[in-house]
């Protein structure tokens, strides 16, 4: 089976992320980490797109992380901030790669 340029570039970006020290986790591992902090992925606001803002263009998924009680996005000014440091650590240190798409946390 022949791969497309987008698939090749996406794999290059995954390799770059791993080489940079990021940790690949599964969607269920991400959900567990978020759940412990009182957050979840709001699937209704997630969408796939091509990230063309970097040197390497790749298949990406915007992932919307919301507080479970307030349903506000973690970055919303009115969202609870008591777990913001831990959320930022997840976004900095981990990524999901599923079905050929990099989840952007």
Protein backbone atom coordinates (compact mmCIF):
# COMPACT_ATOMS: atom_id res chain seq x y z
CA UNK A 1 0.00 0.00 0.00
CA UNK A 2 1.34 3.39 -0.98
CA UNK A 3 1.41 6.17 1.59
CA UNK A 4 0.53 9.78 0.88
CA UNK A 5 2.70 12.82 1.51
CA UNK A 6 0.41 13.80 4.39
CA UNK A 7 0.81 10.37 6.00
CA UNK A 8 4.59 10.55 5.61
CA UNK A 9 4.72 14.08 7.04
CA UNK A 10 2.45 13.11 9.93
CA UNK A 11 4.79 10.24 10.81
CA UNK A 12 7.76 12.66 10.61
CA UNK A 13 5.99 14.94 13.11
CA UNK A 14 5.30 11.98 15.43
CA UNK A 15 8.98 11.04 15.28
CA UNK A 16 9.97 14.65 15.97
CA UNK A 17 7.68 14.76 19.00
CA UNK A 18 9.11 11.51 20.37
CA UNK A 19 12.68 12.67 19.78
CA UNK A 20 11.82 15.89 21.62
CA UNK A 21 10.85 13.89 24.69
CA UNK A 22 7.07 13.83 24.38
CA UNK A 23 5.32 10.64 25.48
CA UNK A 24 2.85 8.82 23.26
CA UNK A 25 -0.28 7.72 25.15
CA UNK A 26 -3.56 6.10 24.15
CA UNK A 27 -6.91 7.92 24.20
CA UNK A 28 -7.91 5.91 27.28
CA UNK A 29 -4.69 6.92 29.08
CA UNK A 30 -5.43 10.56 28.27
CA UNK A 31 -8.98 10.16 29.58
CA UNK A 32 -7.66 8.64 32.82
CA UNK A 33 -5.21 11.49 33.34
CA UNK A 34 -7.88 14.10 32.69
CA UNK A 35 -10.47 12.33 34.85
CA UNK A 36 -8.12 12.42 37.86
CA UNK A 37 -8.00 16.21 37.48
CA UNK A 38 -11.76 16.63 37.03
CA UNK A 39 -11.61 17.17 33.27
CA UNK A 40 -12.70 15.31 30.15
CA UNK A 41 -12.55 15.49 26.35
CA UNK A 42 -15.65 17.14 24.89
CA UNK A 43 -16.00 15.01 21.75
CA UNK A 44 -18.72 17.26 20.35
CA UNK A 45 -16.14 20.04 19.85
CA UNK A 46 -13.28 17.93 18.48
CA UNK A 47 -12.48 18.03 14.78
CA UNK A 48 -9.86 16.82 12.32
CA UNK A 49 -7.85 19.18 10.15
CA UNK A 50 -4.44 19.57 8.52
CA UNK A 51 -2.00 21.53 10.66
CA UNK A 52 -0.07 23.73 8.25
CA UNK A 53 1.34 26.16 10.79
CA UNK A 54 4.61 24.26 11.28
CA UNK A 55 7.50 23.31 9.03
CA UNK A 56 5.92 19.87 8.66
CA UNK A 57 2.24 19.75 7.66
CA UNK A 58 0.41 16.89 9.36
CA UNK A 59 -2.98 15.33 10.06
CA UNK A 60 -4.27 16.72 13.36
CA UNK A 61 -7.28 16.64 15.64
CA UNK A 62 -8.28 19.60 17.75
CA UNK A 63 -9.19 18.19 21.17
CA UNK A 64 -11.39 20.27 23.45
CA UNK A 65 -10.70 19.67 27.15
CA UNK A 66 -13.44 20.79 29.54
CA UNK A 67 -14.01 20.85 33.27
CA UNK A 68 -16.49 18.07 34.13
CA UNK A 69 -18.61 20.13 36.50
CA UNK A 70 -18.68 23.51 34.78
CA UNK A 71 -18.34 22.20 31.17
CA UNK A 72 -16.04 25.17 30.50
CA UNK A 73 -12.94 24.73 28.39
CA UNK A 74 -9.84 24.49 30.59
CA UNK A 75 -8.53 27.74 29.08
CA UNK A 76 -11.76 29.67 29.70
CA UNK A 77 -11.19 32.62 32.02
CA UNK A 78 -14.00 31.34 34.29
CA UNK A 79 -12.81 27.72 34.36
CA UNK A 80 -11.33 26.45 37.66
CA UNK A 81 -7.57 27.10 37.78
CA UNK A 82 -6.59 24.82 40.67
CA UNK A 83 -5.44 22.07 38.25
CA UNK A 84 -4.12 24.30 35.48
CA UNK A 85 -0.46 23.42 36.15
CA UNK A 86 -1.19 19.69 35.85
CA UNK A 87 -3.24 20.23 32.68
CA UNK A 88 -0.42 22.24 31.11
CA UNK A 89 2.01 19.43 31.99
CA UNK A 90 -0.22 16.93 30.17
CA UNK A 91 -0.38 19.20 27.12
CA UNK A 92 3.40 19.74 27.19
CA UNK A 93 4.54 16.17 27.88
CA UNK A 94 2.01 13.86 26.19
CA UNK A 95 0.32 13.33 22.86
CA UNK A 96 -2.08 10.87 21.26
CA UNK A 97 -1.56 9.43 17.79
CA UNK A 98 -4.57 7.45 16.63
CA UNK A 99 -5.73 6.40 13.15
CA UNK A 100 -2.96 8.41 11.53
CA UNK A 101 -3.90 11.65 13.31
CA UNK A 102 -2.02 13.60 16.01
CA UNK A 103 -4.33 14.83 18.75
CA UNK A 104 -3.52 18.42 19.67
CA UNK A 105 -4.26 18.79 23.35
